[in-house]
Structure formats: structure tokens, C-alpha cells
Amino acid sequence: MPPPLDAEVRAPDSIQFNLRGFDSDAEAAAFRKAARARGAPIRAVMLERLGPNVWHDSPAAAMATLEELEETAKLWLQCDPRPAALPPAQLEELRQAFGAPW
């Protein structure tokens, strides 16, 4: 996983992150552009009052992203104890196997 961008605070045990301190839409757009340039386009956000919001190239792809997000959250909540994070070598192996940009 690449190092965090400015204004990015990652959860210690996942690839989730929180963005705080944007004072304008321009700052948020610059963050989005930087993420895309690194091969990690942002496809979903969790809004405080509206919950998860996803987007993609088509409605079907957006729904698939939302379904994946919901299923991942459900699995995570059902785990007790929480699984340990994968070491970087295993993450890289998965990234290579699936062609993932993260």
C-alpha cells in the first residue's frame, strides 16, 4: 500500500482512511486527483449524515462497489477477534494476482 497522502489518516488495521480538514472543494478535488495519479481512484466515501456513497463508470459498477463495501463491513464486524493485518509481501502478492491498483 502506498504511503498516506496529506490529510489522510488511516485506521490502524485496515485500508480505510478518514479525510479531515478540507476547507474547500478545491482541496478535496486535489486529493482525489493525487489518489488517481497513484493508481488508487476513490470510489466510495462515508458521509457523517448520509452513510456510504459510491460512484463508478456505470450504475452497475457503482452497485457492485457498494455491495463489496457492505459485505466487507459485515465480515469485519463478525470477526472476533479481529484478524491481523497481512504483511506487505502478502499484500503485494494479492495486488499482483488481481491486478489491483492499491
Protein backbone atom coordinates (compact mmCIF):
# COMPACT_ATOMS: atom_id res chain seq x y z
CA MET A 1 0.00 0.00 0.00
CA PRO A 2 1.42 3.42 -0.83
CA PRO A 3 2.17 5.85 1.99
CA PRO A 4 -0.70 8.13 3.11
CA LEU A 5 -1.38 11.36 1.28
CA ASP A 6 -1.57 14.68 3.13
CA ALA A 7 -4.81 14.95 5.16
CA GLU A 8 -5.20 11.14 5.17
CA VAL A 9 -5.49 9.30 8.50
CA ARG A 10 -5.70 5.53 8.11
CA ALA A 11 -7.31 3.13 10.53
CA PRO A 12 -4.54 1.03 12.13
CA ASP A 13 -5.92 -2.32 10.99
CA SER A 14 -7.39 -1.69 7.56
CA ILE A 15 -7.12 0.27 4.35
CA GLN A 16 -9.91 2.59 5.46
CA PHE A 17 -8.99 6.19 5.98
CA ASN A 18 -10.52 9.43 7.13
CA LEU A 19 -10.07 12.77 5.47
CA ARG A 20 -10.27 15.82 7.67
CA GLY A 21 -9.55 19.48 7.37
CA PHE A 22 -10.61 20.23 3.80
CA ASP A 23 -11.64 23.87 3.71
CA SER A 24 -12.79 23.88 0.09
CA ASP A 25 -13.96 21.70 -2.75
CA ALA A 26 -10.69 22.53 -4.49
CA GLU A 27 -8.69 20.85 -1.72
CA ALA A 28 -10.87 17.74 -1.90
CA ALA A 29 -10.52 17.70 -5.70
CA ALA A 30 -6.72 17.97 -5.40
CA PHE A 31 -6.70 14.98 -3.03
CA ARG A 32 -8.86 12.98 -5.46
CA LYS A 33 -6.52 13.86 -8.32
CA ALA A 34 -3.44 12.82 -6.31
CA ALA A 35 -5.06 9.48 -5.39
CA ARG A 36 -5.97 8.78 -9.01
CA ALA A 37 -2.44 9.65 -10.16
CA ARG A 38 -1.13 6.99 -7.77
CA GLY A 39 -3.48 4.40 -9.27
CA ALA A 40 -5.95 4.42 -6.38
CA PRO A 41 -9.11 6.22 -7.51
CA ILE A 42 -11.56 6.93 -4.71
CA ARG A 43 -14.80 5.04 -5.38
CA ALA A 44 -16.63 5.47 -2.08
CA VAL A 45 -16.92 7.80 0.86
CA MET A 46 -18.70 7.55 4.19
CA LEU A 47 -20.57 10.75 4.95
CA GLU A 48 -21.40 11.55 8.55
CA ARG A 49 -25.09 12.16 7.96
CA LEU A 50 -25.71 10.18 4.78
CA GLY A 51 -23.70 6.99 5.21
CA PRO A 52 -21.88 5.31 2.31
CA ASN A 53 -21.84 6.98 -1.11
CA VAL A 54 -20.28 5.22 -4.08
CA TRP A 55 -19.71 6.01 -7.74
CA HIS A 56 -18.13 4.34 -10.72
CA ASP A 57 -18.20 4.31 -14.53
CA SER A 58 -21.73 2.87 -14.63
CA PRO A 59 -24.64 2.32 -12.21
CA ALA A 60 -23.94 -1.43 -12.24
CA ALA A 61 -20.28 -0.91 -11.31
CA ALA A 62 -21.29 1.51 -8.55
CA MET A 63 -23.73 -1.05 -7.15
CA ALA A 64 -21.00 -3.72 -7.22
CA THR A 65 -18.73 -1.35 -5.29
CA LEU A 66 -21.45 -0.70 -2.71
CA GLU A 67 -22.16 -4.43 -2.35
CA GLU A 68 -18.46 -5.16 -1.85
CA LEU A 69 -18.23 -2.39 0.74
CA GLU A 70 -21.25 -3.68 2.65
CA GLU A 71 -20.11 -7.31 2.57
CA THR A 72 -16.61 -6.38 3.71
CA ALA A 73 -18.02 -4.33 6.59
CA LYS A 74 -20.32 -7.21 7.60
CA LEU A 75 -17.45 -9.71 7.59
CA TRP A 76 -15.25 -7.33 9.58
CA LEU A 77 -17.94 -6.81 12.22
CA GLN A 78 -18.46 -10.57 12.56
CA CYS A 79 -14.78 -11.25 13.26
CA ASP A 80 -13.89 -11.67 16.92
CA PRO A 81 -11.01 -11.38 17.47
CA ARG A 82 -10.13 -9.14 14.56
CA PRO A 83 -7.74 -10.72 12.04
CA ALA A 84 -4.18 -9.46 11.91
CA ALA A 85 -3.17 -7.25 9.02
CA LEU A 86 -1.38 -9.01 6.16
CA PRO A 87 2.34 -8.35 5.85
CA PRO A 88 3.44 -6.21 2.88
CA ALA A 89 4.71 -9.22 0.89
CA GLN A 90 1.28 -10.93 1.03
CA LEU A 91 -0.49 -7.70 0.10
CA GLU A 92 1.81 -7.36 -2.89
CA GLU A 93 1.11 -10.96 -3.90
CA LEU A 94 -2.65 -10.27 -3.85
CA ARG A 95 -2.18 -7.00 -5.72
CA GLN A 96 -0.21 -8.75 -8.45
CA ALA A 97 -2.62 -11.70 -8.68
CA PHE A 98 -5.69 -9.50 -9.09
CA GLY A 99 -4.12 -6.52 -10.87
CA ALA A 100 -5.29 -4.22 -8.08
CA PRO A 101 -4.05 -0.61 -8.16
CA TRP A 102 -3.76 -0.38 -4.37
